[in-house]
Amino acid sequence: MRDLILKMSISIDGFVSDLEGRNTWMFGADQEAKAWSVEYLWTAGLHIMGSRSFQDMAAWWPTSTDQFAAPMNRIPKAVFSRQGPAIPTKASPSATLQPGGESWAEARVASGDLAADIAALKAQGGRPIIAHGGVRFARSLVARGLVDQFVLLVAPVALGKGLPLFSELAAPAPLRLVSSTAFPGGAVAQIYRPA
């Protein structure tokens, strides 16, 4: 059985984006934090995300030459959508696809019970599942206790207000720190497991 890892960038005050859903503050100029994140993405056997994040990512990654593009494109994807199996991608047909870019059009769509669908994916075995957001999807995973490991890249920025990750917990959820890696630009990668 493989783990479900929730990988999110988060501000020091606990927000994954501002109130409008923007997260341009994520990495700043911290190249070592970016390199660590790219390397971490390569550990996945499957990327999963909510439908809104999927739409945004499917419009960007297939043609991107950003350092995150290779693992985002080459690793299979599953999208969780309440709207059913038809999730069109927005990549421009005239754009040049990067290697693996076609994987976005081949993503598996899950539209049933979240816990049952996650259990089925975990049971397939293989390398871990890495969940990316959006925030509503991530909150659903957290609230239902489906996350086996939290990989939080804490950015050295306070937003003051925004969209929190853990706001739908019914009770406190104790976590055990597995590792912590500080980067020269001030970001810290914190890895936790449920206690």
N, C-alpha and C. Protein backbone atom coordinates (compact mmCIF):
# COMPACT_ATOMS: atom_id res chain seq x y z
N MET A 1 0.85 -1.17 0.00
CA MET A 1 0.00 0.00 0.00
C MET A 1 0.90 1.24 0.00
N ARG A 2 0.57 2.17 -0.87
CA ARG A 2 1.39 3.38 -0.96
C ARG A 2 0.78 4.53 -0.16
N ASP A 3 1.64 5.46 0.22
CA ASP A 3 1.22 6.62 1.00
C ASP A 3 0.62 7.70 0.12
N LEU A 4 -0.25 8.48 0.74
CA LEU A 4 -0.75 9.71 0.15
C LEU A 4 -0.03 10.85 0.85
N ILE A 5 0.72 11.62 0.07
CA ILE A 5 1.49 12.75 0.59
C ILE A 5 0.83 14.03 0.11
N LEU A 6 0.53 14.92 1.04
CA LEU A 6 0.02 16.24 0.69
C LEU A 6 1.20 17.19 0.68
N LYS A 7 1.56 17.68 -0.51
CA LYS A 7 2.68 18.61 -0.66
C LYS A 7 2.12 19.99 -0.95
N MET A 8 2.37 20.91 -0.04
CA MET A 8 1.84 22.26 -0.18
C MET A 8 2.89 23.28 0.25
N SER A 9 2.89 24.42 -0.40
CA SER A 9 3.64 25.56 0.09
C SER A 9 2.70 26.33 1.00
N ILE A 10 3.25 26.87 2.08
CA ILE A 10 2.43 27.51 3.09
C ILE A 10 3.18 28.69 3.67
N SER A 11 2.46 29.74 4.01
CA SER A 11 3.09 30.90 4.64
C SER A 11 3.37 30.59 6.11
N ILE A 12 4.20 31.40 6.76
CA ILE A 12 4.50 31.12 8.17
C ILE A 12 3.27 31.27 9.06
N ASP A 13 2.25 31.99 8.57
CA ASP A 13 1.03 32.10 9.35
C ASP A 13 -0.06 31.13 8.89
N GLY A 14 0.32 30.11 8.12
CA GLY A 14 -0.57 28.99 7.84
C GLY A 14 -1.48 29.07 6.65
N PHE A 15 -1.20 29.99 5.72
CA PHE A 15 -2.06 30.12 4.55
C PHE A 15 -1.40 29.53 3.30
N VAL A 16 -2.20 28.89 2.44
CA VAL A 16 -1.68 28.32 1.21
C VAL A 16 -1.86 29.26 0.02
N SER A 17 -2.64 30.31 0.20
CA SER A 17 -2.77 31.35 -0.82
C SER A 17 -3.39 32.57 -0.16
N ASP A 18 -3.41 33.68 -0.90
CA ASP A 18 -4.10 34.85 -0.37
C ASP A 18 -5.60 34.64 -0.57
N LEU A 19 -6.40 35.62 -0.21
CA LEU A 19 -7.86 35.46 -0.29
C LEU A 19 -8.37 35.30 -1.71
N GLU A 20 -7.60 35.75 -2.69
CA GLU A 20 -8.00 35.62 -4.10
C GLU A 20 -7.45 34.34 -4.72
N GLY A 21 -6.75 33.52 -3.94
CA GLY A 21 -6.20 32.27 -4.45
C GLY A 21 -4.84 32.40 -5.09
N ARG A 22 -4.21 33.56 -4.99
CA ARG A 22 -2.87 33.75 -5.57
C ARG A 22 -1.80 33.24 -4.62
N ASN A 23 -0.73 32.70 -5.20
CA ASN A 23 0.38 32.21 -4.38
C ASN A 23 1.73 32.53 -5.02
N THR A 24 1.85 33.71 -5.57
CA THR A 24 3.09 34.11 -6.23
C THR A 24 4.25 34.27 -5.25
N TRP A 25 3.96 34.29 -3.97
CA TRP A 25 4.97 34.42 -2.92
C TRP A 25 5.69 33.11 -2.63
N MET A 26 5.27 32.02 -3.21
CA MET A 26 5.74 30.68 -2.83
C MET A 26 7.24 30.51 -2.70
N PHE A 27 7.99 30.78 -3.74
CA PHE A 27 9.40 30.45 -3.72
C PHE A 27 10.32 31.66 -3.68
N GLY A 28 9.86 32.78 -4.19
CA GLY A 28 10.76 33.92 -4.28
C GLY A 28 11.97 33.53 -5.12
N ALA A 29 13.13 33.89 -4.67
CA ALA A 29 14.35 33.60 -5.42
C ALA A 29 15.13 32.42 -4.83
N ASP A 30 14.50 31.63 -3.98
CA ASP A 30 15.18 30.53 -3.29
C ASP A 30 15.35 29.32 -4.22
N GLN A 31 16.44 29.31 -4.97
CA GLN A 31 16.68 28.25 -5.95
C GLN A 31 16.87 26.88 -5.30
N GLU A 32 17.46 26.85 -4.11
CA GLU A 32 17.65 25.56 -3.43
C GLU A 32 16.32 24.96 -3.00
N ALA A 33 15.39 25.79 -2.54
CA ALA A 33 14.06 25.29 -2.17
C ALA A 33 13.33 24.78 -3.41
N LYS A 34 13.47 25.49 -4.52
CA LYS A 34 12.86 25.03 -5.77
C LYS A 34 13.44 23.70 -6.20
N ALA A 35 14.77 23.58 -6.16
CA ALA A 35 15.42 22.33 -6.58
C ALA A 35 14.98 21.17 -5.68
N TRP A 36 14.86 21.41 -4.38
CA TRP A 36 14.41 20.38 -3.46
C TRP A 36 12.99 19.95 -3.82
N SER A 37 12.13 20.91 -4.11
CA SER A 37 10.75 20.60 -4.46
C SER A 37 10.66 19.79 -5.75
N VAL A 38 11.45 20.15 -6.75
CA VAL A 38 11.45 19.40 -8.00
C VAL A 38 11.90 17.97 -7.75
N GLU A 39 12.98 17.81 -6.99
CA GLU A 39 13.48 16.47 -6.68
C GLU A 39 12.42 15.67 -5.92
N TYR A 40 11.71 16.32 -5.01
CA TYR A 40 10.68 15.63 -4.24
C TYR A 40 9.54 15.18 -5.15
N LEU A 41 9.16 16.01 -6.10
CA LEU A 41 8.08 15.63 -7.02
C LEU A 41 8.41 14.35 -7.78
N TRP A 42 9.68 14.14 -8.09
CA TRP A 42 10.08 12.94 -8.83
C TRP A 42 9.84 11.65 -8.04
N THR A 43 9.60 11.74 -6.72
CA THR A 43 9.36 10.53 -5.93
C THR A 43 7.94 9.99 -6.14
N ALA A 44 7.08 10.76 -6.77
CA ALA A 44 5.67 10.36 -6.93
C ALA A 44 5.49 9.30 -8.00
N GLY A 45 4.50 8.45 -7.76
CA GLY A 45 4.04 7.52 -8.78
C GLY A 45 2.77 8.04 -9.43
N LEU A 46 2.13 9.02 -8.76
CA LEU A 46 0.88 9.59 -9.25
C LEU A 46 0.71 10.97 -8.62
N HIS A 47 0.29 11.94 -9.43
CA HIS A 47 -0.09 13.27 -8.94
C HIS A 47 -1.61 13.31 -8.90
N ILE A 48 -2.18 13.79 -7.79
CA ILE A 48 -3.62 13.98 -7.74
C ILE A 48 -3.93 15.42 -7.36
N MET A 49 -5.09 15.90 -7.81
CA MET A 49 -5.48 17.28 -7.53
C MET A 49 -6.97 17.44 -7.76
N GLY A 50 -7.50 18.55 -7.27
CA GLY A 50 -8.88 18.90 -7.51
C GLY A 50 -9.04 19.42 -8.94
N SER A 51 -10.28 19.54 -9.37
CA SER A 51 -10.54 19.90 -10.77
C SER A 51 -10.09 21.31 -11.14
N ARG A 52 -10.22 22.27 -10.23
CA ARG A 52 -9.78 23.63 -10.55
C ARG A 52 -8.26 23.70 -10.72
N SER A 53 -7.54 23.06 -9.81
CA SER A 53 -6.08 23.02 -9.94
C SER A 53 -5.68 22.29 -11.21
N PHE A 54 -6.40 21.21 -11.50
CA PHE A 54 -6.10 20.46 -12.71
C PHE A 54 -6.24 21.35 -13.95
N GLN A 55 -7.34 22.09 -14.02
CA GLN A 55 -7.56 22.97 -15.17
C GLN A 55 -6.42 23.98 -15.31
N ASP A 56 -6.04 24.60 -14.20
CA ASP A 56 -4.96 25.58 -14.24
C ASP A 56 -3.64 24.94 -14.64
N MET A 57 -3.33 23.79 -14.05
CA MET A 57 -2.06 23.13 -14.34
C MET A 57 -2.02 22.57 -15.76
N ALA A 58 -3.15 22.02 -16.21
CA ALA A 58 -3.21 21.45 -17.56
C ALA A 58 -3.06 22.52 -18.63
N ALA A 59 -3.37 23.74 -18.29
CA ALA A 59 -3.19 24.85 -19.23
C ALA A 59 -1.75 25.35 -19.24
N TRP A 60 -0.98 25.01 -18.22
CA TRP A 60 0.37 25.55 -18.09
C TRP A 60 1.48 24.52 -18.35
N TRP A 61 1.46 23.39 -17.61
CA TRP A 61 2.60 22.48 -17.61
C TRP A 61 2.91 21.80 -18.94
N PRO A 62 1.94 21.38 -19.76
CA PRO A 62 2.30 20.65 -20.99
C PRO A 62 3.24 21.40 -21.93
N THR A 63 3.23 22.72 -21.89
CA THR A 63 4.09 23.49 -22.79
C THR A 63 5.18 24.27 -22.04
N SER A 64 5.20 24.15 -20.74
CA SER A 64 6.15 24.92 -19.92
C SER A 64 7.56 24.32 -19.98
N THR A 65 8.54 25.19 -19.89
CA THR A 65 9.95 24.75 -19.79
C THR A 65 10.49 25.03 -18.38
N ASP A 66 9.62 25.39 -17.45
CA ASP A 66 9.99 25.61 -16.05
C ASP A 66 10.59 24.32 -15.48
N GLN A 67 11.42 24.47 -14.46
CA GLN A 67 12.08 23.30 -13.88
C GLN A 67 11.11 22.29 -13.26
N PHE A 68 9.90 22.69 -12.92
CA PHE A 68 8.90 21.76 -12.39
C PHE A 68 8.18 20.99 -13.50
N ALA A 69 8.32 21.41 -14.74
CA ALA A 69 7.53 20.83 -15.84
C ALA A 69 7.78 19.34 -16.04
N ALA A 70 9.03 18.90 -15.99
CA ALA A 70 9.31 17.49 -16.28
C ALA A 70 8.58 16.54 -15.33
N PRO A 71 8.70 16.68 -14.00
CA PRO A 71 7.95 15.74 -13.16
C PRO A 71 6.44 15.97 -13.23
N MET A 72 6.02 17.20 -13.41
CA MET A 72 4.58 17.45 -13.50
C MET A 72 3.99 16.83 -14.76
N ASN A 73 4.73 16.81 -15.85
CA ASN A 73 4.23 16.24 -17.10
C ASN A 73 4.39 14.74 -17.19
N ARG A 74 5.49 14.21 -16.74
CA ARG A 74 5.81 12.80 -16.99
C ARG A 74 5.17 11.82 -16.01
N ILE A 75 4.76 12.29 -14.85
CA ILE A 75 4.16 11.40 -13.87
C ILE A 75 2.64 11.39 -14.09
N PRO A 76 2.02 10.21 -14.10
CA PRO A 76 0.57 10.12 -14.33
C PRO A 76 -0.22 10.96 -13.34
N LYS A 77 -1.43 11.34 -13.75
CA LYS A 77 -2.28 12.20 -12.96
C LYS A 77 -3.68 11.63 -12.79
N ALA A 78 -4.30 12.01 -11.66
CA ALA A 78 -5.72 11.75 -11.44
C ALA A 78 -6.33 13.05 -10.95
N VAL A 79 -7.50 13.37 -11.47
CA VAL A 79 -8.21 14.58 -11.08
C VAL A 79 -9.50 14.19 -10.38
N PHE A 80 -9.78 14.86 -9.28
CA PHE A 80 -10.99 14.59 -8.52
C PHE A 80 -11.99 15.68 -8.84
N SER A 81 -13.14 15.26 -9.38
CA SER A 81 -14.14 16.20 -9.85
C SER A 81 -15.54 15.71 -9.50
N ARG A 82 -16.34 16.59 -8.96
CA ARG A 82 -17.73 16.25 -8.69
C ARG A 82 -18.57 16.35 -9.96
N GLN A 83 -18.00 16.93 -11.03
CA GLN A 83 -18.73 17.14 -12.27
C GLN A 83 -18.70 15.93 -13.20
N GLY A 84 -18.01 14.88 -12.83
CA GLY A 84 -17.99 13.70 -13.67
C GLY A 84 -16.73 13.58 -14.48
N PRO A 85 -16.70 12.65 -15.42
CA PRO A 85 -15.48 12.29 -16.12
C PRO A 85 -14.99 13.24 -17.20
N ALA A 86 -15.76 14.21 -17.63
CA ALA A 86 -15.32 15.08 -18.72
C ALA A 86 -14.56 16.28 -18.16
N ILE A 87 -13.25 16.22 -18.17
CA ILE A 87 -12.41 17.32 -17.72
C ILE A 87 -11.54 17.74 -18.91
N PRO A 88 -12.00 18.71 -19.68
CA PRO A 88 -11.19 19.13 -20.82
C PRO A 88 -9.94 19.88 -20.38
N THR A 89 -8.88 19.76 -21.13
CA THR A 89 -7.68 20.52 -20.85
C THR A 89 -7.65 21.74 -21.75
N LYS A 90 -6.92 22.77 -21.31
CA LYS A 90 -6.94 24.03 -22.02
C LYS A 90 -5.65 24.30 -22.81
N ALA A 91 -4.73 23.39 -22.86
CA ALA A 91 -3.48 23.65 -23.57
C ALA A 91 -3.77 23.98 -25.03
N SER A 92 -3.10 24.98 -25.52
CA SER A 92 -3.30 25.42 -26.90
C SER A 92 -2.86 24.35 -27.88
N PRO A 93 -3.71 24.02 -28.86
CA PRO A 93 -3.35 22.97 -29.81
C PRO A 93 -2.14 23.34 -30.66
N SER A 94 -1.83 24.64 -30.80
CA SER A 94 -0.69 25.04 -31.61
C SER A 94 0.61 25.10 -30.81
N ALA A 95 0.53 24.94 -29.48
CA ALA A 95 1.71 25.01 -28.64
C ALA A 95 2.51 23.72 -28.75
N THR A 96 3.80 23.83 -28.53
CA THR A 96 4.68 22.66 -28.57
C THR A 96 4.65 21.98 -27.21
N LEU A 97 4.21 20.71 -27.20
CA LEU A 97 4.17 19.96 -25.96
C LEU A 97 5.58 19.57 -25.54
N GLN A 98 5.84 19.66 -24.24
CA GLN A 98 7.08 19.18 -23.66
C GLN A 98 6.96 17.67 -23.48
N PRO A 99 8.09 16.95 -23.32
CA PRO A 99 8.00 15.50 -23.11
C PRO A 99 7.06 15.17 -21.95
N GLY A 100 6.12 14.29 -22.20
CA GLY A 100 5.14 13.89 -21.20
C GLY A 100 3.93 14.79 -21.14
N GLY A 101 3.92 15.89 -21.89
CA GLY A 101 2.82 16.85 -21.82
C GLY A 101 1.47 16.26 -22.15
N GLU A 102 1.44 15.22 -22.96
CA GLU A 102 0.17 14.59 -23.32
C GLU A 102 -0.50 13.89 -22.14
N SER A 103 0.25 13.67 -21.06
CA SER A 103 -0.30 12.97 -19.89
C SER A 103 -1.48 13.73 -19.27
N TRP A 104 -1.55 15.04 -19.47
CA TRP A 104 -2.67 15.81 -18.92
C TRP A 104 -3.98 15.43 -19.58
N ALA A 105 -3.95 15.15 -20.87
CA ALA A 105 -5.16 14.74 -21.58
C ALA A 105 -5.54 13.30 -21.25
N GLU A 106 -4.61 12.55 -20.66
CA GLU A 106 -4.83 11.14 -20.32
C GLU A 106 -5.13 10.93 -18.84
N ALA A 107 -5.32 12.00 -18.10
CA ALA A 107 -5.53 11.89 -16.65
C ALA A 107 -6.76 11.07 -16.32
N ARG A 108 -6.64 10.29 -15.27
CA ARG A 108 -7.78 9.53 -14.75
C ARG A 108 -8.68 10.50 -14.01
N VAL A 109 -9.99 10.36 -14.15
CA VAL A 109 -10.95 11.21 -13.45
C VAL A 109 -11.68 10.38 -12.41
N ALA A 110 -11.65 10.86 -11.17
CA ALA A 110 -12.38 10.22 -10.08
C ALA A 110 -13.52 11.15 -9.68
N SER A 111 -14.72 10.62 -9.67
CA SER A 111 -15.87 11.46 -9.33
C SER A 111 -16.80 10.78 -8.32
N GLY A 112 -16.30 9.74 -7.69
CA GLY A 112 -17.12 9.03 -6.71
C GLY A 112 -16.84 9.50 -5.30
N ASP A 113 -16.91 8.58 -4.37
CA ASP A 113 -16.63 8.87 -2.97
C ASP A 113 -15.13 9.10 -2.78
N LEU A 114 -14.77 10.25 -2.22
CA LEU A 114 -13.35 10.61 -2.07
C LEU A 114 -12.56 9.56 -1.32
N ALA A 115 -13.04 9.13 -0.16
CA ALA A 115 -12.31 8.16 0.65
C ALA A 115 -12.15 6.83 -0.08
N ALA A 116 -13.20 6.36 -0.75
CA ALA A 116 -13.13 5.10 -1.48
C ALA A 116 -12.17 5.20 -2.66
N ASP A 117 -12.22 6.32 -3.39
CA ASP A 117 -11.31 6.51 -4.52
C ASP A 117 -9.86 6.57 -4.07
N ILE A 118 -9.59 7.27 -2.96
CA ILE A 118 -8.23 7.35 -2.43
C ILE A 118 -7.76 5.97 -1.97
N ALA A 119 -8.63 5.23 -1.28
CA ALA A 119 -8.27 3.88 -0.83
C ALA A 119 -7.90 2.99 -2.02
N ALA A 120 -8.65 3.09 -3.11
CA ALA A 120 -8.35 2.29 -4.31
C ALA A 120 -7.00 2.68 -4.90
N LEU A 121 -6.70 3.97 -4.94
CA LEU A 121 -5.40 4.41 -5.47
C LEU A 121 -4.25 3.95 -4.58
N LYS A 122 -4.43 4.02 -3.28
CA LYS A 122 -3.39 3.58 -2.34
C LYS A 122 -3.15 2.08 -2.49
N ALA A 123 -4.21 1.32 -2.70
CA ALA A 123 -4.10 -0.14 -2.79
C ALA A 123 -3.37 -0.60 -4.04
N GLN A 124 -3.23 0.25 -5.04
CA GLN A 124 -2.55 -0.13 -6.27
C GLN A 124 -1.06 -0.37 -6.06
N GLY A 125 -0.51 0.12 -4.98
CA GLY A 125 0.91 -0.07 -4.72
C GLY A 125 1.76 0.82 -5.61
N GLY A 126 3.05 0.74 -5.42
CA GLY A 126 3.98 1.55 -6.20
C GLY A 126 4.47 2.75 -5.41
N ARG A 127 5.01 3.70 -6.13
CA ARG A 127 5.55 4.90 -5.49
C ARG A 127 4.42 5.75 -4.92
N PRO A 128 4.72 6.65 -3.99
CA PRO A 128 3.68 7.43 -3.32
C PRO A 128 2.81 8.26 -4.26
N ILE A 129 1.66 8.63 -3.74
CA ILE A 129 0.74 9.56 -4.41
C ILE A 129 1.03 10.93 -3.82
N ILE A 130 1.26 11.91 -4.67
CA ILE A 130 1.44 13.28 -4.18
C ILE A 130 0.22 14.09 -4.57
N ALA A 131 -0.43 14.65 -3.53
CA ALA A 131 -1.59 15.52 -3.74
C ALA A 131 -1.12 16.96 -3.77
N HIS A 132 -1.65 17.71 -4.72
CA HIS A 132 -1.35 19.12 -4.86
C HIS A 132 -2.65 19.84 -4.51
N GLY A 133 -3.19 20.60 -4.41
CA GLY A 133 -4.44 21.30 -4.11
C GLY A 133 -5.44 21.23 -5.21
N GLY A 134 -6.22 22.12 -5.30
CA GLY A 134 -6.37 23.36 -4.58
C GLY A 134 -6.72 23.19 -3.12
N VAL A 135 -6.94 24.32 -2.52
CA VAL A 135 -7.12 24.34 -1.08
C VAL A 135 -8.37 23.56 -0.66
N ARG A 136 -9.46 23.64 -1.40
CA ARG A 136 -10.67 22.89 -1.01
C ARG A 136 -10.42 21.39 -1.09
N PHE A 137 -9.75 20.94 -2.14
CA PHE A 137 -9.43 19.51 -2.27
C PHE A 137 -8.49 19.08 -1.14
N ALA A 138 -7.46 19.87 -0.87
CA ALA A 138 -6.51 19.55 0.19
C ALA A 138 -7.22 19.50 1.55
N ARG A 139 -8.09 20.47 1.82
CA ARG A 139 -8.84 20.47 3.08
C ARG A 139 -9.69 19.21 3.21
N SER A 140 -10.28 18.76 2.11
CA SER A 140 -11.10 17.55 2.14
C SER A 140 -10.26 16.33 2.52
N LEU A 141 -9.07 16.24 1.95
CA LEU A 141 -8.18 15.12 2.28
C LEU A 141 -7.80 15.16 3.76
N VAL A 142 -7.47 16.35 4.25
CA VAL A 142 -7.06 16.51 5.65
C VAL A 142 -8.23 16.20 6.58
N ALA A 143 -9.40 16.76 6.32
CA ALA A 143 -10.56 16.59 7.19
C ALA A 143 -10.98 15.13 7.30
N ARG A 144 -10.78 14.35 6.24
CA ARG A 144 -11.19 12.95 6.24
C ARG A 144 -10.07 12.02 6.73
N GLY A 145 -8.94 12.58 7.12
CA GLY A 145 -7.84 11.76 7.65
C GLY A 145 -7.19 10.87 6.61
N LEU A 146 -7.17 11.31 5.35
CA LEU A 146 -6.64 10.48 4.26
C LEU A 146 -5.15 10.69 4.00
N VAL A 147 -4.56 11.70 4.62
CA VAL A 147 -3.15 12.05 4.36
C VAL A 147 -2.23 11.24 5.27
N ASP A 148 -1.26 10.56 4.66
CA ASP A 148 -0.28 9.78 5.40
C ASP A 148 0.96 10.59 5.75
N GLN A 149 1.21 11.62 4.98
CA GLN A 149 2.39 12.45 5.21
C GLN A 149 2.12 13.85 4.68
N PHE A 150 2.53 14.86 5.45
CA PHE A 150 2.40 16.26 5.05
C PHE A 150 3.79 16.78 4.73
N VAL A 151 3.96 17.28 3.52
CA VAL A 151 5.21 17.92 3.12
C VAL A 151 4.87 19.39 2.91
N LEU A 152 5.26 20.19 3.88
CA LEU A 152 4.92 21.61 3.87
C LEU A 152 6.17 22.43 3.66
N LEU A 153 6.21 23.15 2.56
CA LEU A 153 7.33 24.06 2.31
C LEU A 153 6.89 25.41 2.87
N VAL A 154 7.43 25.75 4.02
CA VAL A 154 7.04 26.97 4.72
C VAL A 154 7.88 28.13 4.16
N ALA A 155 7.18 29.07 3.52
CA ALA A 155 7.86 30.22 2.91
C ALA A 155 8.03 31.32 3.97
N PRO A 156 9.12 32.06 3.90
CA PRO A 156 9.38 33.11 4.88
C PRO A 156 8.56 34.38 4.58
N VAL A 157 7.24 34.23 4.63
CA VAL A 157 6.34 35.34 4.38
C VAL A 157 5.10 35.17 5.25
N ALA A 158 4.63 36.29 5.80
CA ALA A 158 3.36 36.29 6.53
C ALA A 158 2.34 37.01 5.67
N LEU A 159 1.21 36.37 5.42
CA LEU A 159 0.18 36.96 4.57
C LEU A 159 -0.85 37.77 5.35
N GLY A 160 -1.01 37.48 6.63
CA GLY A 160 -1.99 38.22 7.41
C GLY A 160 -3.39 37.66 7.28
N LYS A 161 -3.80 37.37 6.09
CA LYS A 161 -5.06 36.69 5.84
C LYS A 161 -4.94 35.92 4.54
N GLY A 162 -5.74 34.91 4.42
CA GLY A 162 -5.68 34.07 3.24
C GLY A 162 -6.49 32.81 3.43
N LEU A 163 -6.18 31.79 2.65
CA LEU A 163 -6.90 30.52 2.70
C LEU A 163 -6.07 29.51 3.49
N PRO A 164 -6.55 29.13 4.69
CA PRO A 164 -5.79 28.19 5.52
C PRO A 164 -6.00 26.74 5.07
N LEU A 165 -5.01 25.92 5.36
CA LEU A 165 -5.07 24.51 4.98
C LEU A 165 -5.89 23.68 5.97
N PHE A 166 -5.74 23.93 7.24
CA PHE A 166 -6.30 23.05 8.27
C PHE A 166 -7.62 23.54 8.87
N SER A 167 -8.34 24.39 8.18
CA SER A 167 -9.54 25.01 8.76
C SER A 167 -10.75 24.09 8.88
N GLU A 168 -10.73 22.92 8.29
CA GLU A 168 -11.90 22.03 8.36
C GLU A 168 -11.71 20.85 9.31
N LEU A 169 -10.69 20.91 10.15
CA LEU A 169 -10.50 19.85 11.13
C LEU A 169 -11.61 19.91 12.18
N ALA A 170 -12.17 18.76 12.53
CA ALA A 170 -13.20 18.70 13.56
C ALA A 170 -12.58 18.76 14.96
N ALA A 171 -11.32 18.36 15.07
CA ALA A 171 -10.59 18.35 16.34
C ALA A 171 -9.11 18.52 16.03
N PRO A 172 -8.30 18.91 17.02
CA PRO A 172 -6.86 19.01 16.77
C PRO A 172 -6.30 17.70 16.23
N ALA A 173 -5.36 17.79 15.31
CA ALA A 173 -4.74 16.61 14.70
C ALA A 173 -3.25 16.62 15.03
N PRO A 174 -2.83 15.90 16.03
CA PRO A 174 -1.41 15.87 16.39
C PRO A 174 -0.57 15.30 15.25
N LEU A 175 0.57 15.93 14.99
CA LEU A 175 1.49 15.48 13.95
C LEU A 175 2.86 15.23 14.56
N ARG A 176 3.61 14.32 13.93
CA ARG A 176 4.97 14.01 14.36
C ARG A 176 5.93 14.49 13.29
N LEU A 177 6.90 15.32 13.68
CA LEU A 177 7.89 15.82 12.73
C LEU A 177 8.83 14.70 12.31
N VAL A 178 8.94 14.48 11.01
CA VAL A 178 9.82 13.45 10.46
C VAL A 178 11.16 14.06 10.07
N SER A 179 11.10 15.23 9.41
CA SER A 179 12.34 15.90 9.04
C SER A 179 12.08 17.38 8.81
N SER A 180 13.16 18.14 8.85
CA SER A 180 13.09 19.57 8.62
C SER A 180 14.35 19.98 7.87
N THR A 181 14.18 20.69 6.77
CA THR A 181 15.31 21.13 5.97
C THR A 181 15.17 22.63 5.73
N ALA A 182 16.18 23.39 6.19
CA ALA A 182 16.17 24.84 6.00
C ALA A 182 16.96 25.18 4.75
N PHE A 183 16.50 26.19 4.01
CA PHE A 183 17.16 26.63 2.78
C PHE A 183 17.70 28.04 2.97
N PRO A 184 18.74 28.40 2.21
CA PRO A 184 19.39 29.70 2.38
C PRO A 184 18.45 30.91 2.22
N GLY A 185 17.41 30.78 1.41
CA GLY A 185 16.49 31.89 1.21
C GLY A 185 15.46 32.04 2.32
N GLY A 186 15.49 31.17 3.32
CA GLY A 186 14.59 31.27 4.46
C GLY A 186 13.44 30.29 4.47
N ALA A 187 13.19 29.60 3.37
CA ALA A 187 12.13 28.58 3.35
C ALA A 187 12.58 27.37 4.17
N VAL A 188 11.61 26.64 4.72
CA VAL A 188 11.89 25.43 5.49
C VAL A 188 10.93 24.34 5.04
N ALA A 189 11.48 23.20 4.64
CA ALA A 189 10.65 22.04 4.29
C ALA A 189 10.43 21.23 5.56
N GLN A 190 9.16 21.13 5.96
CA GLN A 190 8.78 20.38 7.15
C GLN A 190 7.99 19.16 6.70
N ILE A 191 8.40 17.99 7.13
CA ILE A 191 7.69 16.77 6.79
C ILE A 191 7.13 16.16 8.08
N TYR A 192 5.81 15.94 8.07
CA TYR A 192 5.10 15.41 9.24
C TYR A 192 4.31 14.18 8.87
N ARG A 193 4.08 13.34 9.87
CA ARG A 193 3.15 12.22 9.76
C ARG A 193 2.13 12.37 10.88
N PRO A 194 0.92 11.88 10.67
CA PRO A 194 -0.03 11.89 11.79
C PRO A 194 0.56 11.14 12.98
N ALA A 195 0.37 11.69 14.19
CA ALA A 195 0.96 11.08 15.39
C ALA A 195 0.14 9.87 15.83
